[in-house]
Amino acid sequence: IALCVAVLSCLPLFVCFERKESTAKELTTLAVLVAISAAGRFAFAWVPGFKPVTAITVIAAVYLGREAGFVVGSLSAVVSNFYFGQGPWTPFQMMTWGIIGLLSALFSRWLQKSRWFLAGFGALAGVLFSLIMDVWTVLGFEDGFSLSRYLAAAAAALPVTAVYAGSNVIFLLVLAKPIGEKIRRVIEKYGV
């Protein structure tokens, strides 16, 4: 049931994106961002929790809007999981990175203006990702969801959550400006 809910939660935005008149330039830009995100996840596979997926999702949403943020986040999960392994967790990852993309678009004005806000948002996005994925972890047990089991899973995940939140801050502070400038240039030059 939880897997169905996670998959169904992704459908409205995909349908909205599909109905939108997208140009090949827009789709190419999104494909490049998904490829960068997946390649970054591959490159840092050897460090548990240290991944640039959230940072690329945030950057896409800030400069290209909520649909783009959702699509980059959710497709990054699918594409990178061809290497890491597909499973019932993939729709939860898709939904979670998609939600982070949507939230990033809501706060895009502040994320562009303040490096402090960007860093704080990156850290909170890492915690949010972990907390939502811990729901999937607990639902994977035989007898369904249990609050005590959820709290135990969240506590056990604290070290990886801390690394992930920190990596989001690092990747956002390093990548937001140069990738953002490239996206602005593509928007101006090609009318994306």
C-alpha atoms as a PDB file:
ATOM      1  CA  ILE A   1       0.000   0.000   0.000  1.00  0.00           C
ATOM      2  CA  ALA A   2       2.799   2.397   0.919  1.00  0.00           C
ATOM      3  CA  LEU A   3       4.553   1.690  -2.369  1.00  0.00           C
ATOM      4  CA  CYS A   4       1.350   2.500  -4.275  1.00  0.00           C
ATOM      5  CA  VAL A   5       0.942   5.739  -2.323  1.00  0.00           C
ATOM      6  CA  ALA A   6       4.533   6.751  -3.094  1.00  0.00           C
ATOM      7  CA  VAL A   7       4.126   6.021  -6.817  1.00  0.00           C
ATOM      8  CA  LEU A   8       0.742   7.763  -7.000  1.00  0.00           C
ATOM      9  CA  SER A   9       2.148  10.834  -5.252  1.00  0.00           C
ATOM     10  CA  CYS A  10       4.588  11.279  -8.144  1.00  0.00           C
ATOM     11  CA  LEU A  11       1.954  11.053 -10.875  1.00  0.00           C
ATOM     12  CA  PRO A  12       0.302  14.503 -10.599  1.00  0.00           C
ATOM     13  CA  LEU A  13       3.535  16.374 -11.202  1.00  0.00           C
ATOM     14  CA  PHE A  14       4.614  14.070 -14.014  1.00  0.00           C
ATOM     15  CA  VAL A  15       1.222  14.568 -15.671  1.00  0.00           C
ATOM     16  CA  CYS A  16       1.501  18.356 -15.203  1.00  0.00           C
ATOM     17  CA  PHE A  17       4.992  18.293 -16.695  1.00  0.00           C
ATOM     18  CA  GLU A  18       3.851  16.144 -19.634  1.00  0.00           C
ATOM     19  CA  ARG A  19       0.968  18.490 -20.474  1.00  0.00           C
ATOM     20  CA  LYS A  20       3.258  21.508 -20.475  1.00  0.00           C
ATOM     21  CA  GLU A  21       4.645  22.603 -23.827  1.00  0.00           C
ATOM     22  CA  SER A  22       8.262  21.617 -23.313  1.00  0.00           C
ATOM     23  CA  THR A  23      10.902  22.319 -25.881  1.00  0.00           C
ATOM     24  CA  ALA A  24      13.801  20.063 -26.733  1.00  0.00           C
ATOM     25  CA  LYS A  25      16.060  22.663 -25.097  1.00  0.00           C
ATOM     26  CA  GLU A  26      14.173  22.411 -21.804  1.00  0.00           C
ATOM     27  CA  LEU A  27      14.207  18.633 -21.855  1.00  0.00           C
ATOM     28  CA  THR A  28      17.905  18.605 -22.719  1.00  0.00           C
ATOM     29  CA  THR A  29      18.638  20.935 -19.796  1.00  0.00           C
ATOM     30  CA  LEU A  30      16.708  18.682 -17.418  1.00  0.00           C
ATOM     31  CA  ALA A  31      18.393  15.563 -18.816  1.00  0.00           C
ATOM     32  CA  VAL A  32      21.821  17.122 -18.259  1.00  0.00           C
ATOM     33  CA  LEU A  33      20.932  18.005 -14.660  1.00  0.00           C
ATOM     34  CA  VAL A  34      19.669  14.458 -14.019  1.00  0.00           C
ATOM     35  CA  ALA A  35      22.867  13.057 -15.558  1.00  0.00           C
ATOM     36  CA  ILE A  36      25.042  15.330 -13.375  1.00  0.00           C
ATOM     37  CA  SER A  37      23.072  14.281 -10.305  1.00  0.00           C
ATOM     38  CA  ALA A  38      23.324  10.556 -11.091  1.00  0.00           C
ATOM     39  CA  ALA A  39      27.011  10.816 -12.036  1.00  0.00           C
ATOM     40  CA  GLY A  40      27.706  12.629  -8.764  1.00  0.00           C
ATOM     41  CA  ARG A  41      25.947   9.883  -6.844  1.00  0.00           C
ATOM     42  CA  PHE A  42      28.082   7.283  -8.667  1.00  0.00           C
ATOM     43  CA  ALA A  43      31.288   9.246  -8.055  1.00  0.00           C
ATOM     44  CA  PHE A  44      30.695   9.377  -4.306  1.00  0.00           C
ATOM     45  CA  ALA A  45      29.311   5.839  -3.952  1.00  0.00           C
ATOM     46  CA  TRP A  46      32.259   4.930  -1.745  1.00  0.00           C
ATOM     47  CA  VAL A  47      31.209   7.480   0.933  1.00  0.00           C
ATOM     48  CA  PRO A  48      27.912   6.520   2.629  1.00  0.00           C
ATOM     49  CA  GLY A  49      25.486   9.429   2.632  1.00  0.00           C
ATOM     50  CA  PHE A  50      27.766  11.890   0.803  1.00  0.00           C
ATOM     51  CA  LYS A  51      25.760  12.536  -2.375  1.00  0.00           C
ATOM     52  CA  PRO A  52      24.992  15.624  -4.524  1.00  0.00           C
ATOM     53  CA  VAL A  53      21.459  14.596  -5.563  1.00  0.00           C
ATOM     54  CA  THR A  54      19.647  16.967  -3.212  1.00  0.00           C
ATOM     55  CA  ALA A  55      21.920  19.862  -4.179  1.00  0.00           C
ATOM     56  CA  ILE A  56      21.305  19.389  -7.907  1.00  0.00           C
ATOM     57  CA  THR A  57      17.560  19.025  -7.244  1.00  0.00           C
ATOM     58  CA  VAL A  58      17.527  22.261  -5.228  1.00  0.00           C
ATOM     59  CA  ILE A  59      19.495  24.123  -7.902  1.00  0.00           C
ATOM     60  CA  ALA A  60      17.169  22.875 -10.664  1.00  0.00           C
ATOM     61  CA  ALA A  61      14.093  23.977  -8.726  1.00  0.00           C
ATOM     62  CA  VAL A  62      15.520  27.368  -7.808  1.00  0.00           C
ATOM     63  CA  TYR A  63      16.396  28.299 -11.389  1.00  0.00           C
ATOM     64  CA  LEU A  64      13.868  26.309 -13.450  1.00  0.00           C
ATOM     65  CA  GLY A  65      10.804  26.010 -11.206  1.00  0.00           C
ATOM     66  CA  ARG A  66       8.921  23.449  -9.191  1.00  0.00           C
ATOM     67  CA  GLU A  67       8.140  20.981 -11.983  1.00  0.00           C
ATOM     68  CA  ALA A  68      11.773  20.920 -13.046  1.00  0.00           C
ATOM     69  CA  GLY A  69      12.893  20.424  -9.438  1.00  0.00           C
ATOM     70  CA  PHE A  70      10.451  17.582  -8.940  1.00  0.00           C
ATOM     71  CA  VAL A  71      11.404  15.903 -12.224  1.00  0.00           C
ATOM     72  CA  VAL A  72      15.174  16.240 -11.659  1.00  0.00           C
ATOM     73  CA  GLY A  73      14.880  14.887  -8.119  1.00  0.00           C
ATOM     74  CA  SER A  74      12.638  11.960  -8.941  1.00  0.00           C
ATOM     75  CA  LEU A  75      14.402  10.943 -12.157  1.00  0.00           C
ATOM     76  CA  SER A  76      17.789  11.173 -10.437  1.00  0.00           C
ATOM     77  CA  ALA A  77      16.596   8.420  -8.097  1.00  0.00           C
ATOM     78  CA  VAL A  78      15.494   6.152 -10.955  1.00  0.00           C
ATOM     79  CA  VAL A  79      18.570   6.733 -13.113  1.00  0.00           C
ATOM     80  CA  SER A  80      21.131   6.386 -10.331  1.00  0.00           C
ATOM     81  CA  ASN A  81      19.394   3.288  -8.975  1.00  0.00           C
ATOM     82  CA  PHE A  82      20.277   1.445 -12.179  1.00  0.00           C
ATOM     83  CA  TYR A  83      23.705   1.351 -10.552  1.00  0.00           C
ATOM     84  CA  PHE A  84      22.689   1.199  -6.877  1.00  0.00           C
ATOM     85  CA  GLY A  85      19.771  -1.166  -7.418  1.00  0.00           C
ATOM     86  CA  GLN A  86      16.065  -0.636  -8.020  1.00  0.00           C
ATOM     87  CA  GLY A  87      13.640  -1.758  -5.372  1.00  0.00           C
ATOM     88  CA  PRO A  88      10.580  -0.765  -3.376  1.00  0.00           C
ATOM     89  CA  TRP A  89      12.613   2.119  -1.909  1.00  0.00           C
ATOM     90  CA  THR A  90      12.999   3.761  -5.343  1.00  0.00           C
ATOM     91  CA  PRO A  91       9.491   5.339  -5.430  1.00  0.00           C
ATOM     92  CA  PHE A  92      10.065   6.670  -1.908  1.00  0.00           C
ATOM     93  CA  GLN A  93      13.348   8.221  -3.049  1.00  0.00           C
ATOM     94  CA  MET A  94      11.581   9.638  -6.104  1.00  0.00           C
ATOM     95  CA  MET A  95       8.816  11.117  -3.969  1.00  0.00           C
ATOM     96  CA  THR A  96      11.213  12.500  -1.351  1.00  0.00           C
ATOM     97  CA  TRP A  97      13.629  14.178  -3.765  1.00  0.00           C
ATOM     98  CA  GLY A  98      10.590  15.438  -5.685  1.00  0.00           C
ATOM     99  CA  ILE A  99       9.183  17.001  -2.514  1.00  0.00           C
ATOM    100  CA  ILE A 100      12.549  18.624  -1.841  1.00  0.00           C
ATOM    101  CA  GLY A 101      12.426  20.046  -5.382  1.00  0.00           C
ATOM    102  CA  LEU A 102       8.957  21.481  -4.741  1.00  0.00           C
ATOM    103  CA  LEU A 103      10.017  23.028  -1.433  1.00  0.00           C
ATOM    104  CA  SER A 104      13.121  24.500  -3.063  1.00  0.00           C
ATOM    105  CA  ALA A 105      11.004  26.272  -5.651  1.00  0.00           C
ATOM    106  CA  LEU A 106       8.827  27.744  -2.891  1.00  0.00           C
ATOM    107  CA  PHE A 107      11.884  29.258  -1.219  1.00  0.00           C
ATOM    108  CA  SER A 108      13.813  30.044  -4.418  1.00  0.00           C
ATOM    109  CA  ARG A 109      13.942  33.803  -3.821  1.00  0.00           C
ATOM    110  CA  TRP A 110      15.693  33.341  -0.454  1.00  0.00           C
ATOM    111  CA  LEU A 111      17.837  30.447  -1.670  1.00  0.00           C
ATOM    112  CA  GLN A 112      19.283  32.676  -4.406  1.00  0.00           C
ATOM    113  CA  LYS A 113      19.878  35.660  -2.121  1.00  0.00           C
ATOM    114  CA  SER A 114      21.415  34.158   1.000  1.00  0.00           C
ATOM    115  CA  ARG A 115      24.200  31.592   1.262  1.00  0.00           C
ATOM    116  CA  TRP A 116      23.236  31.120   4.932  1.00  0.00           C
ATOM    117  CA  PHE A 117      19.657  30.310   3.995  1.00  0.00           C
ATOM    118  CA  LEU A 118      20.936  27.989   1.248  1.00  0.00           C
ATOM    119  CA  ALA A 119      23.200  26.149   3.697  1.00  0.00           C
ATOM    120  CA  GLY A 120      20.460  25.841   6.319  1.00  0.00           C
ATOM    121  CA  PHE A 121      17.961  24.641   3.742  1.00  0.00           C
ATOM    122  CA  GLY A 122      20.461  22.040   2.499  1.00  0.00           C
ATOM    123  CA  ALA A 123      20.962  20.696   6.015  1.00  0.00           C
ATOM    124  CA  LEU A 124      17.206  20.558   6.667  1.00  0.00           C
ATOM    125  CA  ALA A 125      16.624  18.856   3.301  1.00  0.00           C
ATOM    126  CA  GLY A 126      19.070  16.129   4.327  1.00  0.00           C
ATOM    127  CA  VAL A 127      17.200  15.556   7.576  1.00  0.00           C
ATOM    128  CA  LEU A 128      13.834  15.583   5.751  1.00  0.00           C
ATOM    129  CA  PHE A 129      15.097  13.036   3.226  1.00  0.00           C
ATOM    130  CA  SER A 130      16.251  10.725   6.000  1.00  0.00           C
ATOM    131  CA  LEU A 131      13.040  11.056   8.026  1.00  0.00           C
ATOM    132  CA  ILE A 132      10.840  10.240   5.031  1.00  0.00           C
ATOM    133  CA  MET A 133      13.038   7.321   3.979  1.00  0.00           C
ATOM    134  CA  ASP A 134      12.876   5.984   7.543  1.00  0.00           C
ATOM    135  CA  VAL A 135       9.114   5.619   7.022  1.00  0.00           C
ATOM    136  CA  TRP A 136       9.884   3.228   4.160  1.00  0.00           C
ATOM    137  CA  THR A 137      12.396   1.391   6.359  1.00  0.00           C
ATOM    138  CA  VAL A 138       9.792   0.788   9.065  1.00  0.00           C
ATOM    139  CA  LEU A 139       7.069  -0.158   6.568  1.00  0.00           C
ATOM    140  CA  GLY A 140       9.424  -2.845   5.270  1.00  0.00           C
ATOM    141  CA  PHE A 141       9.009  -4.811   8.488  1.00  0.00           C
ATOM    142  CA  GLU A 142       6.407  -7.574   8.600  1.00  0.00           C
ATOM    143  CA  ASP A 143       3.800  -6.024  10.849  1.00  0.00           C
ATOM    144  CA  GLY A 144       3.599  -2.517   9.393  1.00  0.00           C
ATOM    145  CA  PHE A 145       4.342   0.888  10.875  1.00  0.00           C
ATOM    146  CA  SER A 146       5.266   1.356  14.512  1.00  0.00           C
ATOM    147  CA  LEU A 147       6.212   4.712  16.021  1.00  0.00           C
ATOM    148  CA  SER A 148       8.755   3.142  18.383  1.00  0.00           C
ATOM    149  CA  ARG A 149      10.371   1.295  15.484  1.00  0.00           C
ATOM    150  CA  TYR A 150      10.376   4.532  13.433  1.00  0.00           C
ATOM    151  CA  LEU A 151      12.107   6.443  16.238  1.00  0.00           C
ATOM    152  CA  ALA A 152      14.655   3.637  16.578  1.00  0.00           C
ATOM    153  CA  ALA A 153      15.325   3.678  12.808  1.00  0.00           C
ATOM    154  CA  ALA A 154      15.695   7.473  12.814  1.00  0.00           C
ATOM    155  CA  ALA A 155      18.093   7.282  15.776  1.00  0.00           C
ATOM    156  CA  ALA A 156      20.135   4.516  14.122  1.00  0.00           C
ATOM    157  CA  ALA A 157      20.356   6.602  10.944  1.00  0.00           C
ATOM    158  CA  LEU A 158      21.667   9.724  12.738  1.00  0.00           C
ATOM    159  CA  PRO A 159      25.326   9.333  11.649  1.00  0.00           C
ATOM    160  CA  VAL A 160      24.413   8.881   7.968  1.00  0.00           C
ATOM    161  CA  THR A 161      21.792  11.652   8.228  1.00  0.00           C
ATOM    162  CA  ALA A 162      24.432  14.001   9.638  1.00  0.00           C
ATOM    163  CA  VAL A 163      26.843  13.171   6.798  1.00  0.00           C
ATOM    164  CA  TYR A 164      24.074  13.629   4.224  1.00  0.00           C
ATOM    165  CA  ALA A 165      22.951  16.967   5.686  1.00  0.00           C
ATOM    166  CA  GLY A 166      26.569  18.142   5.743  1.00  0.00           C
ATOM    167  CA  SER A 167      27.179  16.982   2.185  1.00  0.00           C
ATOM    168  CA  ASN A 168      24.111  18.935   1.041  1.00  0.00           C
ATOM    169  CA  VAL A 169      25.561  22.076   2.575  1.00  0.00           C
ATOM    170  CA  ILE A 170      28.957  21.484   0.952  1.00  0.00           C
ATOM    171  CA  PHE A 171      27.541  20.655  -2.482  1.00  0.00           C
ATOM    172  CA  LEU A 172      25.127  23.596  -2.433  1.00  0.00           C
ATOM    173  CA  LEU A 173      27.774  26.092  -1.371  1.00  0.00           C
ATOM    174  CA  VAL A 174      30.200  24.808  -4.022  1.00  0.00           C
ATOM    175  CA  LEU A 175      27.793  24.137  -6.911  1.00  0.00           C
ATOM    176  CA  ALA A 176      24.876  26.577  -6.596  1.00  0.00           C
ATOM    177  CA  LYS A 177      26.638  29.612  -8.019  1.00  0.00           C
ATOM    178  CA  PRO A 178      28.456  28.029 -11.002  1.00  0.00           C
ATOM    179  CA  ILE A 179      25.585  25.757 -12.045  1.00  0.00           C
ATOM    180  CA  GLY A 180      23.074  28.536 -11.403  1.00  0.00           C
ATOM    181  CA  GLU A 181      25.043  30.862 -13.690  1.00  0.00           C
ATOM    182  CA  LYS A 182      25.125  28.190 -16.411  1.00  0.00           C
ATOM    183  CA  ILE A 183      21.374  27.664 -16.098  1.00  0.00           C
ATOM    184  CA  ARG A 184      20.765  31.443 -16.287  1.00  0.00           C
ATOM    185  CA  ARG A 185      22.921  31.562 -19.407  1.00  0.00           C
ATOM    186  CA  VAL A 186      20.952  28.711 -21.008  1.00  0.00           C
ATOM    187  CA  ILE A 187      17.695  30.477 -20.104  1.00  0.00           C
ATOM    188  CA  GLU A 188      18.847  33.763 -21.666  1.00  0.00           C
ATOM    189  CA  LYS A 189      20.597  32.291 -24.702  1.00  0.00           C
ATOM    190  CA  TYR A 190      18.084  29.597 -25.642  1.00  0.00           C
ATOM    191  CA  GLY A 191      14.885  30.883 -24.076  1.00  0.00           C
ATOM    192  CA  VAL A 192      14.422  27.850 -21.841  1.00  0.00           C
END
